[in-house]
C-alpha atoms as a PDB file:
ATOM      1  CA  MET A   1       0.000   0.000   0.000  1.00  0.00           C
ATOM      2  CA  ASN A   2       1.410   3.386  -0.964  1.00  0.00           C
ATOM      3  CA  LEU A   3       1.123   6.196   1.602  1.00  0.00           C
ATOM      4  CA  ASP A   4       1.558   9.918   1.115  1.00  0.00           C
ATOM      5  CA  PRO A   5       3.625  11.953   3.612  1.00  0.00           C
ATOM      6  CA  ARG A   6       0.510  12.314   5.844  1.00  0.00           C
ATOM      7  CA  GLY A   7       0.093   8.534   5.988  1.00  0.00           C
ATOM      8  CA  VAL A   8      -3.039   8.515   3.798  1.00  0.00           C
ATOM      9  CA  PRO A   9      -3.330   5.528   1.440  1.00  0.00           C
ATOM     10  CA  GLU A  10      -3.070   6.453  -2.229  1.00  0.00           C
ATOM     11  CA  ALA A  11      -6.461   4.842  -2.961  1.00  0.00           C
ATOM     12  CA  VAL A  12      -8.142   7.139  -0.428  1.00  0.00           C
ATOM     13  CA  GLN A  13      -6.441  10.191  -1.881  1.00  0.00           C
ATOM     14  CA  ARG A  14      -7.990   9.462  -5.263  1.00  0.00           C
ATOM     15  CA  SER A  15     -11.432   8.374  -4.036  1.00  0.00           C
ATOM     16  CA  ASP A  16     -13.100  11.534  -5.328  1.00  0.00           C
ATOM     17  CA  GLU A  17     -11.758  11.171  -8.865  1.00  0.00           C
ATOM     18  CA  PRO A  18     -14.459  11.056 -11.555  1.00  0.00           C
ATOM     19  CA  GLY A  19     -16.171   7.701 -11.774  1.00  0.00           C
ATOM     20  CA  THR A  20     -15.545   6.649  -8.174  1.00  0.00           C
ATOM     21  CA  ALA A  21     -18.301   5.979  -5.655  1.00  0.00           C
ATOM     22  CA  THR A  22     -17.263   9.025  -3.626  1.00  0.00           C
ATOM     23  CA  SER A  23     -17.441  11.361  -6.603  1.00  0.00           C
ATOM     24  CA  LYS A  24     -20.833   9.964  -7.591  1.00  0.00           C
ATOM     25  CA  ALA A  25     -22.166  10.390  -4.051  1.00  0.00           C
ATOM     26  CA  SER A  26     -20.809  13.944  -3.919  1.00  0.00           C
ATOM     27  CA  ALA A  27     -22.514  14.737  -7.209  1.00  0.00           C
ATOM     28  CA  VAL A  28     -25.829  13.411  -5.887  1.00  0.00           C
ATOM     29  CA  VAL A  29     -25.526  15.543  -2.747  1.00  0.00           C
ATOM     30  CA  ARG A  30     -24.675  18.656  -4.790  1.00  0.00           C
ATOM     31  CA  ALA A  31     -27.628  18.034  -7.112  1.00  0.00           C
ATOM     32  CA  THR A  32     -30.069  17.175  -4.313  1.00  0.00           C
ATOM     33  CA  THR A  33     -29.260  20.009  -1.921  1.00  0.00           C
ATOM     34  CA  PRO A  34     -30.691  22.824  -4.087  1.00  0.00           C
ATOM     35  CA  ILE A  35     -33.795  20.743  -4.769  1.00  0.00           C
ATOM     36  CA  LEU A  36     -34.392  20.127  -1.054  1.00  0.00           C
ATOM     37  CA  ALA A  37     -33.738  23.799  -0.310  1.00  0.00           C
ATOM     38  CA  GLU A  38     -36.347  24.816  -2.887  1.00  0.00           C
ATOM     39  CA  GLN A  39     -38.838  22.304  -1.470  1.00  0.00           C
ATOM     40  CA  ALA A  40     -38.188  23.612   2.054  1.00  0.00           C
ATOM     41  CA  ARG A  41     -38.825  27.188   0.851  1.00  0.00           C
ATOM     42  CA  GLU A  42     -42.064  26.057  -0.778  1.00  0.00           C
ATOM     43  CA  LEU A  43     -43.224  24.373   2.436  1.00  0.00           C
ATOM     44  CA  ALA A  44     -42.380  27.529   4.412  1.00  0.00           C
ATOM     45  CA  GLN A  45     -44.426  29.613   1.961  1.00  0.00           C
ATOM     46  CA  ILE A  46     -47.339  27.191   2.291  1.00  0.00           C
ATOM     47  CA  GLN A  47     -47.116  27.424   6.093  1.00  0.00           C
ATOM     48  CA  ARG A  48     -47.259  31.220   5.826  1.00  0.00           C
ATOM     49  CA  LEU A  49     -50.348  30.915   3.618  1.00  0.00           C
ATOM     50  CA  LEU A  50     -52.010  28.732   6.249  1.00  0.00           C
ATOM     51  CA  ASP A  51     -51.052  31.154   9.010  1.00  0.00           C
ATOM     52  CA  ALA A  52     -52.577  33.995   6.964  1.00  0.00           C
ATOM     53  CA  GLY A  53     -55.823  32.061   6.466  1.00  0.00           C
ATOM     54  CA  ALA A  54     -55.280  31.347   2.756  1.00  0.00           C
ATOM     55  CA  THR A  55     -56.202  27.695   3.242  1.00  0.00           C
ATOM     56  CA  THR A  56     -57.511  27.042  -0.268  1.00  0.00           C
ATOM     57  CA  GLU A  57     -54.323  28.345  -1.881  1.00  0.00           C
ATOM     58  CA  ALA A  58     -52.181  26.380   0.584  1.00  0.00           C
ATOM     59  CA  ILE A  59     -54.019  23.156  -0.260  1.00  0.00           C
ATOM     60  CA  ARG A  60     -53.757  23.864  -3.988  1.00  0.00           C
ATOM     61  CA  ARG A  61     -49.995  24.323  -3.715  1.00  0.00           C
ATOM     62  CA  ILE A  62     -49.522  21.235  -1.549  1.00  0.00           C
ATOM     63  CA  GLU A  63     -51.516  19.104  -3.964  1.00  0.00           C
ATOM     64  CA  ALA A  64     -49.472  20.456  -6.881  1.00  0.00           C
ATOM     65  CA  SER A  65     -46.355  19.495  -4.923  1.00  0.00           C
ATOM     66  CA  LEU A  66     -47.706  15.965  -4.488  1.00  0.00           C
ATOM     67  CA  ASP A  67     -47.650  15.591  -8.262  1.00  0.00           C
ATOM     68  CA  SER A  68     -44.309  17.244  -8.970  1.00  0.00           C
ATOM     69  CA  ASN A  69     -42.374  16.099  -5.878  1.00  0.00           C
ATOM     70  CA  ALA A  70     -43.919  12.721  -5.134  1.00  0.00           C
ATOM     71  CA  ASN A  71     -40.657  11.262  -3.826  1.00  0.00           C
ATOM     72  CA  SER A  72     -39.469  14.389  -2.043  1.00  0.00           C
ATOM     73  CA  GLY A  73     -36.965  14.150   0.764  1.00  0.00           C
ATOM     74  CA  LEU A  74     -39.425  16.333   2.647  1.00  0.00           C
ATOM     75  CA  ALA A  75     -42.479  14.175   1.948  1.00  0.00           C
ATOM     76  CA  GLU A  76     -43.122  13.608   5.649  1.00  0.00           C
ATOM     77  CA  GLU A  77     -43.194  17.344   6.370  1.00  0.00           C
ATOM     78  CA  ARG A  78     -45.294  18.016   3.262  1.00  0.00           C
ATOM     79  CA  ASP A  79     -47.804  15.311   4.212  1.00  0.00           C
ATOM     80  CA  ALA A  80     -48.143  16.684   7.757  1.00  0.00           C
ATOM     81  CA  LEU A  81     -48.689  20.183   6.376  1.00  0.00           C
ATOM     82  CA  HIS A  82     -51.301  18.816   3.967  1.00  0.00           C
ATOM     83  CA  ILE A  83     -53.253  17.266   6.836  1.00  0.00           C
ATOM     84  CA  GLN A  84     -52.966  20.477   8.848  1.00  0.00           C
ATOM     85  CA  ALA A  85     -54.359  22.444   5.889  1.00  0.00           C
ATOM     86  CA  LEU A  86     -57.239  20.011   5.406  1.00  0.00           C
ATOM     87  CA  ILE A  87     -58.137  20.288   9.094  1.00  0.00           C
ATOM     88  CA  LYS A  88     -58.156  24.092   8.841  1.00  0.00           C
ATOM     89  CA  ALA A  89     -60.375  23.813   5.763  1.00  0.00           C
ATOM     90  CA  GLN A  90     -62.734  21.548   7.759  1.00  0.00           C
ATOM     91  CA  ARG A  91     -62.211  18.722   5.279  1.00  0.00           C
ATOM     92  CA  THR A  92     -62.111  16.239   8.138  1.00  0.00           C
ATOM     93  CA  THR A  93     -62.964  13.099   6.171  1.00  0.00           C
ATOM     94  CA  GLN A  94     -59.974  13.577   3.887  1.00  0.00           C
ATOM     95  CA  ALA A  95     -57.770  14.718   6.785  1.00  0.00           C
ATOM     96  CA  THR A  96     -58.722  11.618   8.792  1.00  0.00           C
ATOM     97  CA  MET A  97     -57.877   9.287   5.927  1.00  0.00           C
ATOM     98  CA  LEU A  98     -54.513  10.976   5.338  1.00  0.00           C
ATOM     99  CA  ALA A  99     -53.707  11.078   9.069  1.00  0.00           C
ATOM    100  CA  LYS A 100     -54.189   7.298   9.256  1.00  0.00           C
ATOM    101  CA  LEU A 101     -51.899   6.822   6.248  1.00  0.00           C
ATOM    102  CA  PHE A 102     -49.380   9.218   7.789  1.00  0.00           C
ATOM    103  CA  ILE A 103     -49.172   7.147  10.961  1.00  0.00           C
ATOM    104  CA  GLN A 104     -48.696   3.970   8.913  1.00  0.00           C
ATOM    105  CA  ARG A 105     -45.930   5.539   6.802  1.00  0.00           C
ATOM    106  CA  TYR A 106     -44.195   7.493   9.554  1.00  0.00           C
ATOM    107  CA  PRO A 107     -44.993   5.802  12.895  1.00  0.00           C
ATOM    108  CA  ASN A 108     -41.945   7.318  14.593  1.00  0.00           C
ATOM    109  CA  SER A 109     -42.361  10.812  13.172  1.00  0.00           C
ATOM    110  CA  PRO A 110     -42.411  13.747  15.565  1.00  0.00           C
ATOM    111  CA  GLN A 111     -45.751  14.570  13.892  1.00  0.00           C
ATOM    112  CA  ALA A 112     -47.264  11.111  14.504  1.00  0.00           C
ATOM    113  CA  ASP A 113     -48.499  11.955  18.006  1.00  0.00           C
ATOM    114  CA  ARG A 114     -50.194  15.058  16.631  1.00  0.00           C
ATOM    115  CA  MET A 115     -51.959  12.893  14.049  1.00  0.00           C
ATOM    116  CA  ARG A 116     -53.014  10.407  16.722  1.00  0.00           C
ATOM    117  CA  ARG A 117     -54.473  13.221  18.839  1.00  0.00           C
ATOM    118  CA  PHE A 118     -56.374  14.522  15.821  1.00  0.00           C
ATOM    119  CA  LEU A 119     -57.788  11.050  15.173  1.00  0.00           C
ATOM    120  CA  GLN A 120     -58.852  10.663  18.807  1.00  0.00           C
ATOM    121  CA  ASP A 121     -60.605  14.052  18.774  1.00  0.00           C
ATOM    122  CA  ASP A 122     -62.314  13.404  15.449  1.00  0.00           C
END
């Protein structure tokens, strides 16, 4: 095994060269980060809409996000926000159905207890 003066194996030194697993993983992170940041901004805007009472617009934007970002890294947060919006819009049948699905998908989510409380009160 060849070592550089710092004692780092040559193979490790070159692990981020094009075509290596490290370079591919780095490329995925670089590509994903702006997408997640944009999705987080969108969710924050939707939360502001809900806080301002613009429930219909918030639901419209969440449902559009369901189509365009189905496999989002922020799907759990988006789904919780969707249920919150439906509750505010008094669409309790749909909110109840989605809350049950939420608990099945994300049983250990910080939002799961909130969903359980909603289901108990409903």
